[in-house]
């Protein structure tokens, strides 16, 4: 089988995205991907900013509820 639109990078990106969506610490994802700088990890997965922002808001609301 040949999947031309699917490559190693796609698998890597999907893996990291799923980890972050399941609340894996960004530092863990950084180490798992081999990024030397956390900014690289966070910049690449900036599309998750809204998700992580909503999650952070929920945590703060629970802390002060």
PDB file of N, CA and C in Angstrom:
ATOM      1  N   UNK A   1       0.838  -1.183   0.000  1.00  0.00           N
ATOM      2  CA  UNK A   1       0.000   0.000   0.000  1.00  0.00           C
ATOM      3  C   UNK A   1       0.882   1.245   0.000  1.00  0.00           C
ATOM      4  N   UNK A   2       0.408   2.244  -0.700  1.00  0.00           N
ATOM      5  CA  UNK A   2       1.130   3.501  -0.773  1.00  0.00           C
ATOM      6  C   UNK A   2       0.206   4.630  -0.314  1.00  0.00           C
ATOM      7  N   UNK A   3       0.643   5.375   0.677  1.00  0.00           N
ATOM      8  CA  UNK A   3      -0.118   6.500   1.189  1.00  0.00           C
ATOM      9  C   UNK A   3       0.704   7.771   0.991  1.00  0.00           C
ATOM     10  N   UNK A   4       0.641   8.370  -0.203  1.00  0.00           N
ATOM     11  CA  UNK A   4       1.512   9.495  -0.512  1.00  0.00           C
ATOM     12  C   UNK A   4       1.298  10.716   0.386  1.00  0.00           C
ATOM     13  N   UNK A   5       0.087  10.922   0.888  1.00  0.00           N
ATOM     14  CA  UNK A   5      -0.170  12.079   1.738  1.00  0.00           C
ATOM     15  C   UNK A   5       0.226  11.828   3.198  1.00  0.00           C
ATOM     16  N   UNK A   6       0.615  10.623   3.517  1.00  0.00           N
ATOM     17  CA  UNK A   6       0.980  10.259   4.876  1.00  0.00           C
ATOM     18  C   UNK A   6       2.473   9.979   4.938  1.00  0.00           C
ATOM     19  N   UNK A   7       3.164  10.691   5.795  1.00  0.00           N
ATOM     20  CA  UNK A   7       4.598  10.489   5.921  1.00  0.00           C
ATOM     21  C   UNK A   7       4.986  10.469   7.401  1.00  0.00           C
ATOM     22  N   UNK A   8       6.254  10.272   7.645  1.00  0.00           N
ATOM     23  CA  UNK A   8       6.765  10.213   9.009  1.00  0.00           C
ATOM     24  C   UNK A   8       6.434  11.486   9.787  1.00  0.00           C
ATOM     25  N   UNK A   9       6.569  12.626   9.137  1.00  0.00           N
ATOM     26  CA  UNK A   9       6.301  13.896   9.807  1.00  0.00           C
ATOM     27  C   UNK A   9       4.843  13.979  10.259  1.00  0.00           C
ATOM     28  N   UNK A  10       3.926  13.486   9.434  1.00  0.00           N
ATOM     29  CA  UNK A  10       2.499  13.491   9.795  1.00  0.00           C
ATOM     30  C   UNK A  10       2.243  12.659  11.041  1.00  0.00           C
ATOM     31  N   UNK A  11       2.880  11.498  11.115  1.00  0.00           N
ATOM     32  CA  UNK A  11       2.729  10.634  12.278  1.00  0.00           C
ATOM     33  C   UNK A  11       3.287  11.311  13.529  1.00  0.00           C
ATOM     34  N   UNK A  12       4.438  11.933  13.403  1.00  0.00           N
ATOM     35  CA  UNK A  12       5.076  12.637  14.514  1.00  0.00           C
ATOM     36  C   UNK A  12       4.187  13.789  15.010  1.00  0.00           C
ATOM     37  N   UNK A  13       3.645  14.551  14.064  1.00  0.00           N
ATOM     38  CA  UNK A  13       2.786  15.679  14.411  1.00  0.00           C
ATOM     39  C   UNK A  13       1.500  15.197  15.101  1.00  0.00           C
ATOM     40  N   UNK A  14       0.905  14.149  14.563  1.00  0.00           N
ATOM     41  CA  UNK A  14      -0.316  13.602  15.165  1.00  0.00           C
ATOM     42  C   UNK A  14      -0.043  13.099  16.579  1.00  0.00           C
ATOM     43  N   UNK A  15       1.077  12.432  16.762  1.00  0.00           N
ATOM     44  CA  UNK A  15       1.449  11.912  18.075  1.00  0.00           C
ATOM     45  C   UNK A  15       1.581  13.046  19.094  1.00  0.00           C
ATOM     46  N   UNK A  16       2.311  14.087  18.733  1.00  0.00           N
ATOM     47  CA  UNK A  16       2.508  15.210  19.644  1.00  0.00           C
ATOM     48  C   UNK A  16       1.193  15.923  19.935  1.00  0.00           C
ATOM     49  N   UNK A  17       0.376  16.098  18.928  1.00  0.00           N
ATOM     50  CA  UNK A  17      -0.921  16.756  19.111  1.00  0.00           C
ATOM     51  C   UNK A  17      -1.791  15.965  20.069  1.00  0.00           C
ATOM     52  N   UNK A  18      -1.830  14.656  19.889  1.00  0.00           N
ATOM     53  CA  UNK A  18      -2.648  13.820  20.772  1.00  0.00           C
ATOM     54  C   UNK A  18      -2.126  13.865  22.205  1.00  0.00           C
ATOM     55  N   UNK A  19      -0.822  13.873  22.384  1.00  0.00           N
ATOM     56  CA  UNK A  19      -0.258  13.978  23.733  1.00  0.00           C
ATOM     57  C   UNK A  19      -0.697  15.275  24.405  1.00  0.00           C
ATOM     58  N   UNK A  20      -0.573  16.392  23.691  1.00  0.00           N
ATOM     59  CA  UNK A  20      -0.942  17.679  24.271  1.00  0.00           C
ATOM     60  C   UNK A  20      -2.444  17.772  24.536  1.00  0.00           C
ATOM     61  N   UNK A  21      -3.251  17.219  23.655  1.00  0.00           N
ATOM     62  CA  UNK A  21      -4.702  17.227  23.869  1.00  0.00           C
ATOM     63  C   UNK A  21      -5.105  16.385  25.075  1.00  0.00           C
ATOM     64  N   UNK A  22      -4.279  15.410  25.422  1.00  0.00           N
ATOM     65  CA  UNK A  22      -4.566  14.570  26.588  1.00  0.00           C
ATOM     66  C   UNK A  22      -3.868  15.092  27.850  1.00  0.00           C
ATOM     67  N   UNK A  23      -3.454  16.362  27.789  1.00  0.00           N
ATOM     68  CA  UNK A  23      -2.885  17.063  28.938  1.00  0.00           C
ATOM     69  C   UNK A  23      -1.468  16.630  29.295  1.00  0.00           C
ATOM     70  N   UNK A  24      -0.737  16.077  28.351  1.00  0.00           N
ATOM     71  CA  UNK A  24       0.671  15.775  28.619  1.00  0.00           C
ATOM     72  C   UNK A  24       1.404  17.096  28.806  1.00  0.00           C
ATOM     73  N   UNK A  25       2.296  17.182  29.776  1.00  0.00           N
ATOM     74  CA  UNK A  25       3.041  18.423  29.968  1.00  0.00           C
ATOM     75  C   UNK A  25       3.859  18.758  28.717  1.00  0.00           C
ATOM     76  N   UNK A  26       3.820  20.015  28.284  1.00  0.00           N
ATOM     77  CA  UNK A  26       4.597  20.415  27.105  1.00  0.00           C
ATOM     78  C   UNK A  26       6.075  20.045  27.217  1.00  0.00           C
ATOM     79  N   UNK A  27       6.632  20.091  28.412  1.00  0.00           N
ATOM     80  CA  UNK A  27       8.040  19.736  28.592  1.00  0.00           C
ATOM     81  C   UNK A  27       8.268  18.257  28.250  1.00  0.00           C
ATOM     82  N   UNK A  28       7.320  17.407  28.584  1.00  0.00           N
ATOM     83  CA  UNK A  28       7.406  15.986  28.235  1.00  0.00           C
ATOM     84  C   UNK A  28       7.384  15.814  26.712  1.00  0.00           C
ATOM     85  N   UNK A  29       6.467  16.529  26.060  1.00  0.00           N
ATOM     86  CA  UNK A  29       6.360  16.442  24.610  1.00  0.00           C
ATOM     87  C   UNK A  29       7.646  16.945  23.963  1.00  0.00           C
ATOM     88  N   UNK A  30       8.201  18.016  24.500  1.00  0.00           N
ATOM     89  CA  UNK A  30       9.466  18.546  23.996  1.00  0.00           C
ATOM     90  C   UNK A  30      10.549  17.477  24.022  1.00  0.00           C
ATOM     91  N   UNK A  31      10.693  16.822  25.168  1.00  0.00           N
ATOM     92  CA  UNK A  31      11.725  15.794  25.312  1.00  0.00           C
ATOM     93  C   UNK A  31      11.452  14.613  24.384  1.00  0.00           C
ATOM     94  N   UNK A  32      10.195  14.228  24.277  1.00  0.00           N
ATOM     95  CA  UNK A  32       9.829  13.081  23.436  1.00  0.00           C
ATOM     96  C   UNK A  32      10.148  13.348  21.967  1.00  0.00           C
ATOM     97  N   UNK A  33       9.953  14.608  21.540  1.00  0.00           N
ATOM     98  CA  UNK A  33      10.210  14.963  20.143  1.00  0.00           C
ATOM     99  C   UNK A  33      11.674  15.307  19.890  1.00  0.00           C
ATOM    100  N   UNK A  34      12.425  15.522  20.962  1.00  0.00           N
ATOM    101  CA  UNK A  34      13.836  15.836  20.805  1.00  0.00           C
ATOM    102  C   UNK A  34      14.131  17.293  20.516  1.00  0.00           C
ATOM    103  N   UNK A  35      13.168  18.167  20.813  1.00  0.00           N
ATOM    104  CA  UNK A  35      13.408  19.595  20.627  1.00  0.00           C
ATOM    105  C   UNK A  35      14.320  20.097  21.739  1.00  0.00           C
ATOM    106  N   UNK A  36      15.349  20.850  21.382  1.00  0.00           N
ATOM    107  CA  UNK A  36      16.267  21.388  22.381  1.00  0.00           C
ATOM    108  C   UNK A  36      15.640  22.538  23.155  1.00  0.00           C
ATOM    109  N   UNK A  37      14.702  23.229  22.546  1.00  0.00           N
ATOM    110  CA  UNK A  37      14.101  24.412  23.141  1.00  0.00           C
ATOM    111  C   UNK A  37      12.586  24.242  23.195  1.00  0.00           C
ATOM    112  N   UNK A  38      11.992  24.505  24.346  1.00  0.00           N
ATOM    113  CA  UNK A  38      10.544  24.368  24.510  1.00  0.00           C
ATOM    114  C   UNK A  38       9.785  25.292  23.566  1.00  0.00           C
ATOM    115  N   UNK A  39      10.398  26.422  23.201  1.00  0.00           N
ATOM    116  CA  UNK A  39       9.741  27.362  22.286  1.00  0.00           C
ATOM    117  C   UNK A  39       9.466  26.713  20.926  1.00  0.00           C
ATOM    118  N   UNK A  40      10.351  25.851  20.482  1.00  0.00           N
ATOM    119  CA  UNK A  40      10.137  25.150  19.212  1.00  0.00           C
ATOM    120  C   UNK A  40       8.875  24.309  19.310  1.00  0.00           C
ATOM    121  N   UNK A  41       8.758  23.555  20.374  1.00  0.00           N
ATOM    122  CA  UNK A  41       7.577  22.698  20.569  1.00  0.00           C
ATOM    123  C   UNK A  41       6.313  23.542  20.615  1.00  0.00           C
ATOM    124  N   UNK A  42       6.331  24.600  21.411  1.00  0.00           N
ATOM    125  CA  UNK A  42       5.138  25.417  21.567  1.00  0.00           C
ATOM    126  C   UNK A  42       4.789  26.173  20.287  1.00  0.00           C
ATOM    127  N   UNK A  43       5.785  26.616  19.542  1.00  0.00           N
ATOM    128  CA  UNK A  43       5.506  27.335  18.290  1.00  0.00           C
ATOM    129  C   UNK A  43       4.915  26.420  17.228  1.00  0.00           C
ATOM    130  N   UNK A  44       5.402  25.207  17.155  1.00  0.00           N
ATOM    131  CA  UNK A  44       4.895  24.260  16.152  1.00  0.00           C
ATOM    132  C   UNK A  44       3.451  23.872  16.457  1.00  0.00           C
ATOM    133  N   UNK A  45       3.136  23.766  17.724  1.00  0.00           N
ATOM    134  CA  UNK A  45       1.795  23.335  18.117  1.00  0.00           C
ATOM    135  C   UNK A  45       0.945  24.497  18.612  1.00  0.00           C
ATOM    136  N   UNK A  46       1.205  25.678  18.048  1.00  0.00           N
ATOM    137  CA  UNK A  46       0.458  26.882  18.425  1.00  0.00           C
ATOM    138  C   UNK A  46      -1.030  26.742  18.118  1.00  0.00           C
ATOM    139  N   UNK A  47      -1.386  25.872  17.182  1.00  0.00           N
ATOM    140  CA  UNK A  47      -2.794  25.678  16.855  1.00  0.00           C
ATOM    141  C   UNK A  47      -3.572  25.116  18.045  1.00  0.00           C
ATOM    142  N   UNK A  48      -2.855  24.628  19.048  1.00  0.00           N
ATOM    143  CA  UNK A  48      -3.523  24.112  20.247  1.00  0.00           C
ATOM    144  C   UNK A  48      -3.698  25.187  21.308  1.00  0.00           C
ATOM    145  N   UNK A  49      -3.280  26.413  21.002  1.00  0.00           N
ATOM    146  CA  UNK A  49      -3.328  27.487  21.990  1.00  0.00           C
ATOM    147  C   UNK A  49      -4.731  27.675  22.538  1.00  0.00           C
ATOM    148  N   UNK A  50      -5.742  27.685  21.671  1.00  0.00           N
ATOM    149  CA  UNK A  50      -7.122  27.869  22.132  1.00  0.00           C
ATOM    150  C   UNK A  50      -7.528  26.737  23.064  1.00  0.00           C
ATOM    151  N   UNK A  51      -7.201  25.512  22.685  1.00  0.00           N
ATOM    152  CA  UNK A  51      -7.540  24.355  23.508  1.00  0.00           C
ATOM    153  C   UNK A  51      -6.874  24.469  24.879  1.00  0.00           C
ATOM    154  N   UNK A  52      -5.566  24.799  24.881  1.00  0.00           N
ATOM    155  CA  UNK A  52      -4.838  24.880  26.137  1.00  0.00           C
ATOM    156  C   UNK A  52      -5.308  26.069  26.963  1.00  0.00           C
ATOM    157  N   UNK A  53      -5.710  27.151  26.302  1.00  0.00           N
ATOM    158  CA  UNK A  53      -6.227  28.314  27.010  1.00  0.00           C
ATOM    159  C   UNK A  53      -7.551  27.975  27.699  1.00  0.00           C
ATOM    160  N   UNK A  54      -8.428  27.287  26.983  1.00  0.00           N
ATOM    161  CA  UNK A  54      -9.706  26.874  27.573  1.00  0.00           C
ATOM    162  C   UNK A  54      -9.469  25.933  28.751  1.00  0.00           C
ATOM    163  N   UNK A  55      -8.513  25.047  28.592  1.00  0.00           N
ATOM    164  CA  UNK A  55      -8.183  24.097  29.647  1.00  0.00           C
ATOM    165  C   UNK A  55      -7.637  24.845  30.873  1.00  0.00           C
ATOM    166  N   UNK A  56      -6.774  25.816  30.650  1.00  0.00           N
ATOM    167  CA  UNK A  56      -6.227  26.616  31.742  1.00  0.00           C
ATOM    168  C   UNK A  56      -7.309  27.393  32.473  1.00  0.00           C
ATOM    169  N   UNK A  57      -8.243  27.948  31.719  1.00  0.00           N
ATOM    170  CA  UNK A  57      -9.355  28.674  32.326  1.00  0.00           C
ATOM    171  C   UNK A  57     -10.186  27.749  33.206  1.00  0.00           C
ATOM    172  N   UNK A  58     -10.445  26.547  32.728  1.00  0.00           N
ATOM    173  CA  UNK A  58     -11.220  25.573  33.511  1.00  0.00           C
ATOM    174  C   UNK A  58     -10.487  25.217  34.800  1.00  0.00           C
ATOM    175  N   UNK A  59      -9.180  25.062  34.734  1.00  0.00           N
ATOM    176  CA  UNK A  59      -8.396  24.742  35.934  1.00  0.00           C
ATOM    177  C   UNK A  59      -8.489  25.880  36.954  1.00  0.00           C
ATOM    178  N   UNK A  60      -8.312  27.100  36.470  1.00  0.00           N
ATOM    179  CA  UNK A  60      -8.394  28.261  37.380  1.00  0.00           C
ATOM    180  C   UNK A  60      -9.798  28.378  37.985  1.00  0.00           C
ATOM    181  N   UNK A  61     -10.821  28.156  37.176  1.00  0.00           N
ATOM    182  CA  UNK A  61     -12.181  28.232  37.690  1.00  0.00           C
ATOM    183  C   UNK A  61     -12.413  27.185  38.776  1.00  0.00           C
ATOM    184  N   UNK A  62     -11.870  25.998  38.594  1.00  0.00           N
ATOM    185  CA  UNK A  62     -12.018  24.941  39.596  1.00  0.00           C
ATOM    186  C   UNK A  62     -11.263  25.275  40.876  1.00  0.00           C
ATOM    187  N   UNK A  63     -10.120  25.939  40.742  1.00  0.00           N
ATOM    188  CA  UNK A  63      -9.325  26.291  41.904  1.00  0.00           C
ATOM    189  C   UNK A  63     -10.044  27.302  42.804  1.00  0.00           C
ATOM    190  N   UNK A  64     -10.788  28.199  42.167  1.00  0.00           N
ATOM    191  CA  UNK A  64     -11.400  29.279  42.920  1.00  0.00           C
ATOM    192  C   UNK A  64     -12.919  29.168  42.973  1.00  0.00           C
ATOM    193  N   UNK A  65     -13.435  27.976  42.746  1.00  0.00           N
ATOM    194  CA  UNK A  65     -14.892  27.768  42.777  1.00  0.00           C
ATOM    195  C   UNK A  65     -15.364  27.552  44.193  1.00  0.00           C
TER     196      UNK A  65
END
